Each structure stands twice: as C-alpha cells, then as structure tokens.
Protein backbone atom coordinates (compact mmCIF):
# COMPACT_ATOMS: atom_id res chain seq x y z
CA UNK A 1 93.84 89.70 124.78
CA UNK A 2 90.13 89.05 125.15
CA UNK A 3 88.39 88.54 128.69
CA UNK A 4 87.82 84.67 127.60
CA UNK A 5 91.32 84.10 127.26
CA UNK A 6 92.43 86.14 130.17
CA UNK A 7 90.45 84.05 132.63
CA UNK A 8 91.55 80.84 130.87
CA UNK A 9 95.13 81.87 131.40
CA UNK A 10 94.54 82.93 135.10
CA UNK A 11 93.13 79.28 135.69
CA UNK A 12 96.16 77.53 134.38
CA UNK A 13 98.45 79.70 136.77
CA UNK A 14 100.41 81.02 133.78
CA UNK A 15 99.89 84.51 134.60
CA UNK A 16 100.88 86.89 137.34
CA UNK A 17 97.92 86.47 139.51
CA UNK A 18 96.88 82.84 140.84
CA UNK A 19 92.98 81.94 140.98
CA UNK A 20 93.35 80.97 144.32
CA UNK A 21 94.60 84.56 145.54
CA UNK A 22 92.33 86.44 142.74
CA UNK A 23 89.15 84.60 142.36
CA UNK A 24 87.92 84.98 138.49
CA UNK A 25 84.40 86.40 139.30
CA UNK A 26 86.42 89.57 140.49
CA UNK A 27 87.88 90.38 137.38
CA UNK A 28 85.28 93.10 136.61
CA UNK A 29 84.75 93.95 140.56
CA UNK A 30 86.49 97.29 141.75
CA UNK A 31 86.55 95.70 145.21
CA UNK A 32 89.96 93.89 144.77
CA UNK A 33 92.36 92.38 147.01
CA UNK A 34 94.81 95.33 148.83
CA UNK A 35 97.37 93.51 147.14
CA UNK A 36 96.13 93.68 143.57
CA UNK A 37 96.05 97.09 141.70
CA UNK A 38 94.11 97.72 138.61
CA UNK A 39 94.47 100.53 136.14
CA UNK A 40 92.09 101.01 133.13
CA UNK A 41 93.65 102.24 129.88
CA UNK A 42 91.16 103.51 127.44
CA UNK A 43 91.88 104.46 123.59
CA UNK A 44 90.67 105.58 120.53
CA UNK A 45 92.31 106.41 116.96
CA UNK A 46 91.59 108.05 113.76
CA UNK A 47 88.18 109.77 115.07
CA UNK A 48 88.71 112.14 112.09
CA UNK A 49 86.48 115.12 113.23
CA UNK A 50 83.60 112.58 114.13
CA UNK A 51 81.93 114.66 116.65
CA UNK A 52 78.17 113.75 115.89
CA UNK A 53 77.02 110.13 115.51
CA UNK A 54 76.93 108.84 112.00
CA UNK A 55 73.85 109.92 110.10
CA UNK A 56 70.80 107.60 109.85
CA UNK A 57 71.07 106.86 106.36
CA UNK A 58 71.22 103.36 106.30
CA UNK A 59 74.75 102.65 106.41
CA UNK A 60 76.25 100.21 108.48
CA UNK A 61 77.57 102.75 111.09
CA UNK A 62 74.32 104.73 111.16
CA UNK A 63 73.69 106.30 114.89
CA UNK A 64 77.26 104.83 116.15
CA UNK A 65 79.99 107.09 117.34
CA UNK A 66 79.91 110.57 118.45
CA UNK A 67 81.41 112.41 121.17
CA UNK A 68 78.30 112.24 123.70
CA UNK A 69 78.20 108.22 123.46
CA UNK A 70 81.93 107.96 123.88
CA UNK A 71 81.69 110.21 126.99
CA UNK A 72 78.88 108.65 128.56
CA UNK A 73 80.78 105.08 127.79
CA UNK A 74 83.84 106.78 129.20
CA UNK A 75 82.27 108.08 132.49
CA UNK A 76 80.70 104.84 133.40
CA UNK A 77 83.92 103.09 133.25
CA UNK A 78 85.41 105.75 135.50
CA UNK A 79 82.32 105.50 137.99
CA UNK A 80 84.03 102.03 138.51
CA UNK A 81 86.40 103.51 140.51
CA UNK A 82 89.62 102.71 139.43
CA UNK A 83 92.32 104.88 137.80
CA UNK A 84 91.53 105.36 134.05
CA UNK A 85 94.13 106.76 131.48
CA UNK A 86 92.52 107.82 128.14
CA UNK A 87 94.92 108.19 125.14
CA UNK A 88 94.29 108.85 121.53
CA UNK A 89 96.81 107.35 118.67
CA UNK A 90 96.27 110.23 116.43
CA UNK A 91 94.23 111.64 113.31
CA UNK A 92 91.76 113.25 115.57
CA UNK A 93 91.48 115.93 112.72
CA UNK A 94 89.85 115.80 109.30
CA UNK A 95 86.84 114.09 108.03
CA UNK A 96 83.79 116.26 108.88
CA UNK A 97 82.93 119.99 108.23
CA UNK A 98 83.75 120.58 111.84
CA UNK A 99 87.30 120.45 110.70
CA UNK A 100 86.91 122.70 107.47
CA UNK A 101 84.87 125.42 109.36
CA UNK A 102 86.96 125.61 112.79
CA UNK A 103 90.28 124.14 111.89
CA UNK A 104 90.41 121.43 114.86
CA UNK A 105 89.14 123.63 117.56
CA UNK A 106 86.22 121.74 118.07
CA UNK A 107 87.83 118.39 118.07
CA UNK A 108 90.55 119.22 120.84
CA UNK A 109 87.84 120.97 122.94
CA UNK A 110 85.78 118.02 122.79
CA UNK A 111 89.05 115.58 123.61
CA UNK A 112 89.57 117.82 126.58
CA UNK A 113 85.92 117.62 127.61
CA UNK A 114 86.15 113.87 127.66
CA UNK A 115 89.46 113.91 129.86
CA UNK A 116 91.79 112.70 127.47
CA UNK A 117 95.31 112.35 129.16
CA UNK A 118 97.62 112.38 126.07
CA UNK A 119 97.61 111.91 122.21
CA UNK A 120 99.95 111.53 119.46
CA UNK A 121 99.80 112.99 116.21
CA UNK A 122 99.02 111.54 113.03
CA UNK A 123 99.36 112.41 109.23
CA UNK A 124 95.94 114.01 109.20
CA UNK A 125 96.44 116.29 112.14
CA UNK A 126 98.72 118.33 109.73
CA UNK A 127 95.95 118.91 107.30
CA UNK A 128 95.49 122.29 108.66
CA UNK A 129 99.44 122.89 108.45
CA UNK A 130 101.81 122.82 111.21
CA UNK A 131 101.08 126.45 112.05
CA UNK A 132 97.47 125.45 112.15
CA UNK A 133 98.09 122.80 114.65
CA UNK A 134 100.22 124.69 116.67
CA UNK A 135 97.35 127.45 116.92
CA UNK A 136 95.02 125.20 118.16
CA UNK A 137 97.04 123.18 120.90
CA UNK A 138 95.97 125.92 123.30
CA UNK A 139 92.38 124.26 123.00
CA UNK A 140 93.94 120.90 124.45
CA UNK A 141 94.38 120.42 128.28
CA UNK A 142 96.36 117.37 127.70
CA UNK A 143 99.91 117.07 125.84
CA UNK A 144 100.60 115.86 122.36
CA UNK A 145 103.59 113.37 122.39
CA UNK A 146 105.88 112.25 119.82
CA UNK A 147 109.01 110.44 120.00
CA UNK A 148 110.25 110.27 116.66
CA UNK A 149 108.94 113.92 115.10
CA UNK A 150 111.76 116.17 115.52
CA UNK A 151 110.15 119.64 115.49
CA UNK A 152 113.22 121.68 116.51
CA UNK A 153 113.13 123.97 113.60
CA UNK A 154 109.13 124.59 113.59
CA UNK A 155 106.64 126.37 115.67
CA UNK A 156 106.03 123.04 117.49
CA UNK A 157 109.76 123.27 119.08
CA UNK A 158 109.07 122.80 122.89
CA UNK A 159 105.16 122.23 122.45
CA UNK A 160 105.38 118.59 121.99
CA UNK A 161 106.89 116.18 124.14
CA UNK A 162 108.45 112.93 123.48
CA UNK A 163 106.85 110.92 126.64
CA UNK A 164 105.04 111.51 129.73
CA UNK A 165 104.90 109.49 133.16
CA UNK A 166 101.68 109.02 134.85
CA UNK A 167 101.84 107.89 138.48
CA UNK A 168 99.02 105.97 140.25
CA UNK A 169 99.69 105.52 143.76
CA UNK A 170 102.92 103.49 143.46
CA UNK A 171 102.68 102.31 140.13
CA UNK A 172 104.31 104.58 137.15
CA UNK A 173 103.10 103.95 133.67
CA UNK A 174 105.12 105.73 130.86
CA UNK A 175 103.42 106.64 127.76
CA UNK A 176 105.27 107.64 124.47
CA UNK A 177 104.09 108.48 120.82
CA UNK A 178 105.32 107.33 117.51
CA UNK A 179 104.32 109.17 113.92
CA UNK A 180 104.36 107.72 110.28
CA UNK A 181 106.73 109.04 107.93
CA UNK A 182 105.01 112.15 106.42
CA UNK A 183 106.84 112.30 103.06
CA UNK A 184 104.49 110.92 100.43
CA UNK A 185 101.58 111.23 102.69
CA UNK A 186 101.15 115.08 103.46
CA UNK A 187 102.89 118.06 101.29
CA UNK A 188 105.94 119.25 102.79
CA UNK A 189 104.47 122.57 102.54
CA UNK A 190 102.41 121.61 105.54
CA UNK A 191 104.74 120.07 107.75
CA UNK A 192 107.41 122.15 106.82
CA UNK A 193 110.94 121.48 108.58
CA UNK A 194 109.56 118.48 110.60
CA UNK A 195 111.98 115.62 110.68
CA UNK A 196 110.96 112.18 110.82
CA UNK A 197 113.34 109.93 113.11
CA UNK A 198 113.64 106.24 112.98
CA UNK A 199 110.60 104.76 114.62
CA UNK A 200 112.18 101.56 115.98
CA UNK A 201 115.24 103.11 117.38
CA UNK A 202 113.43 105.88 119.00
CA UNK A 203 110.78 103.42 120.57
CA UNK A 204 113.60 101.27 121.78
CA UNK A 205 115.58 104.05 123.24
CA UNK A 206 112.51 105.69 124.71
CA UNK A 207 110.88 102.73 126.21
CA UNK A 208 113.92 101.58 127.98
CA UNK A 209 114.71 104.90 129.37
CA UNK A 210 111.09 104.88 130.96
CA UNK A 211 111.60 101.41 132.24
CA UNK A 212 115.10 101.60 133.67
CA UNK A 213 115.67 105.46 134.19
CA UNK A 214 111.98 106.61 135.25
CA UNK A 215 111.10 103.40 136.97
CA UNK A 216 107.81 102.77 135.10
CA UNK A 217 106.38 99.22 135.57
CA UNK A 218 104.15 99.70 132.49
CA UNK A 219 104.91 101.16 129.11
CA UNK A 220 102.51 102.24 126.55
CA UNK A 221 103.10 103.25 122.95
CA UNK A 222 100.68 105.44 120.98
CA UNK A 223 101.49 104.56 117.41
CA UNK A 224 100.13 106.03 114.21
CA UNK A 225 102.62 103.91 112.31
CA UNK A 226 99.96 101.27 111.28
CA UNK A 227 98.67 97.92 112.16
CA UNK A 228 100.64 95.37 110.04
CA UNK A 229 101.61 95.55 105.86
CA UNK A 230 102.22 93.03 103.35
CA UNK A 231 105.34 94.92 102.49
CA UNK A 232 108.36 95.51 104.55
CA UNK A 233 107.31 98.74 106.32
CA UNK A 234 107.37 99.20 109.96
CA UNK A 235 104.06 98.70 111.92
CA UNK A 236 102.75 98.04 115.14
CA UNK A 237 103.27 94.52 114.84
CA UNK A 238 106.83 94.63 113.51
CA UNK A 239 107.71 97.43 116.21
CA UNK A 240 106.59 94.95 118.84
CA UNK A 241 108.83 92.03 117.69
CA UNK A 242 111.82 94.46 117.00
CA UNK A 243 112.10 96.11 120.41
CA UNK A 244 111.82 95.53 124.17
CA UNK A 245 110.25 97.16 127.29
CA UNK A 246 107.06 97.81 125.57
CA UNK A 247 104.29 96.40 126.99
CA UNK A 248 101.11 97.91 125.37
CA UNK A 249 101.04 99.55 121.46
CA UNK A 250 97.71 101.24 120.98
CA UNK A 251 97.59 101.84 116.99
CA UNK A 252 96.10 103.88 114.40
CA UNK A 253 96.46 104.87 110.90
CA UNK A 254 95.40 101.53 109.08
CA UNK A 255 91.76 101.92 110.64
CA UNK A 256 91.77 98.25 111.41
CA UNK A 257 89.17 96.96 113.74
CA UNK A 258 90.51 94.32 115.65
CA UNK A 259 87.98 91.89 117.36
CA UNK A 260 90.71 90.99 119.78
CA UNK A 261 94.24 92.30 120.71
CA UNK A 262 97.23 90.76 119.16
CA UNK A 263 100.02 89.06 121.24
CA UNK A 264 103.29 89.80 119.55
CA UNK A 265 106.53 88.19 121.27
CA UNK A 266 109.41 91.00 121.63
CA UNK A 267 112.84 90.37 121.27
CA UNK A 268 113.22 88.88 124.86
CA UNK A 269 109.98 86.76 123.90
CA UNK A 270 107.74 88.72 126.21
CA UNK A 271 104.05 89.22 125.00
CA UNK A 272 103.52 92.79 123.80
CA UNK A 273 99.58 93.69 123.63
CA UNK A 274 98.97 95.40 120.19
CA UNK A 275 95.48 96.70 119.63
CA UNK A 276 93.37 99.14 117.35
CA UNK A 277 89.91 100.28 117.27
CA UNK A 278 89.13 101.01 113.52
CA UNK A 279 87.91 104.68 112.95
CA UNK A 280 85.36 107.25 113.67
CA UNK A 281 84.91 106.66 117.21
CA UNK A 282 82.94 103.61 116.40
CA UNK A 283 84.67 101.70 119.20
CA UNK A 284 86.68 102.64 122.36
CA UNK A 285 89.38 100.18 123.46
CA UNK A 286 89.72 99.17 126.78
CA UNK A 287 92.60 97.38 128.62
CA UNK A 288 92.60 96.48 132.37
CA UNK A 289 95.92 96.12 133.63
CA UNK A 290 96.59 94.01 136.88
CA UNK A 291 99.49 94.47 138.99
CA UNK A 292 100.31 92.46 142.29
CA UNK A 293 102.07 94.60 144.95
CA UNK A 294 105.97 93.51 145.64
CA UNK A 295 105.71 90.97 142.50
CA UNK A 296 107.27 91.86 139.01
CA UNK A 297 104.85 91.72 135.89
CA UNK A 298 101.33 92.43 135.32
CA UNK A 299 98.42 91.06 133.11
CA UNK A 300 95.70 92.35 131.03
CA UNK A 301 92.27 91.97 130.01
CA UNK A 302 91.28 93.76 126.82
CA UNK A 303 87.93 94.66 125.18
CA UNK A 304 87.28 96.48 122.26
CA UNK A 305 83.57 98.18 123.31
CA UNK A 306 80.86 99.67 120.68
CA UNK A 307 80.08 103.27 121.07
C-alpha cells in the first residue's frame, strides 16, 4: 500500500487508527503518540552479488544500487529512531565476479555490515553447492531461515532455522522463510539431499504457530517462490490467498519491480501485503507498520525506495 492510499484509508476511518487520534502529518514523524508503536521493515531480494553500483555504461541502471548507497539509505532510516527489521528474500549469491572469486564471503560480510536481521535461501544460493553455502555461513551474523527446505540429511542440518521471533518492547514479529522447488532449477549435485516441502502447508502451519503459540502480533514471510505466474504454480499471490495468519509477504525470484505493494485477501478475507523490489539492489522495500496499544490489528504504509 503506497502512502497516498494509506492516508486516504486512514481519513475514511477504515483502518486501525483514526485521523482524530493520529494526525496525517504525523505519519512520517518519529514523535508518535505513546499509544502508537511503529516498526519499519526494510527488505531486499535477488541482489545477486551486486556489491558495487551498476557501471556507468549508458545502461538504464547505471550508477544505481551498490552496498554503500544501500547502507547510507538504511542508516538514514534507522536514524528516524523507530525499530527497524532488515530482511532479504534470497538469491544474495551469484551475478558478479565477487561470487566467482570469493564464493559468497563478500556478500554475507556485506549483509552483516549492513545489519541484516534474517534472510531466506534462494535457488542461486546453492550455486556454490550446499557445502559451499554451509562453509560461508560463519560470515553471516544473521540467521538463514527456511520452513519448507528439509536439510535433515545435509550439512545444513541445525544450521537453518524455520522461523525467528523478534521482540520490540511488547510487540512480537514472527519471521519465516520459503524456498522454491529446486528440482529443474538447480542440479541435484549442488543441493544434494535437501527435500522440498509443500510451501502452502508449511506456511500455514508456521504462521499459525507464530500467531497462536508464540503470540506474534505480526507475521512476515520471506518468500523465494516468485510474485505471480500465468500457469498454476504456487506464488506469493496464490500463497497469500490460500493461507491465514500471514500479514506481509516479501518476495523474490521473479525480479518483479512493483510500484506499489499488492493487497491480497486471505482465506479469512483479511488483507495480506505482498511486495517485491526487483533485483540487483536497485530498490529497497520499506513497510512502516503501526500498532495501537491494547487494540488488535495494525496498518501499513509501503514504499519502494530507489537506491
């Protein structure tokens, strides 16, 4: 939901917060009323080893992206003073000589320096083999999370978690990850005995557990399934429509540049925010989530920022 739509819905009284209690001009202001809590979720996907900005070669992306520019933007948002959760939806490996030369070390060290809180695993993150991924994980000071890859018989057993809960004062945010089916995309010699599990079932079960058992007020899925397909193939949009308890899906894999996040009704007809920010670190997704103390529900303002 872009800021304009968010403000319109606030003004109509259809959202969690009323304009009378929460003036529109305060949306971007860190000095919120004490009963309002704001958490900012930043996200990337399919960065594909783009450590440097795109070269100045006359291409449409020249000078865009790069770790330094992204880091400056992230730091500026953190200086606003609200809690920030920084997530990645996979395919942080493969795409420039940095990966070919260093096997993922540079990417994970850069993500750690930027302060990523969690990431899920994309198909290209197996391009150095599952052993290569395992050998590089010590360079990440954040967890890799996947709910539908079973690594029980691999070197990643006990190294990849199905979910993580982040607590900001009294607000709990549950985060889990989903990966795309590797068969047909990645040679089995690279992912070895990794088993692909039904993403819909495991998303539904994990989101319900985070909501009901862990007491999370907000549930985020980091998905590398793809935004939407013409054929009958599970995607972020279809996942949102087939499940409950997910509030936000940040996607990857299809390199989809969304101008605005999409709202998809779930099984209970509640709106799920689905967003994706293309590839190459050209954009940074931002979702500001507002909670009102002692009242159920939440509302979001979403922007996809140029890097």
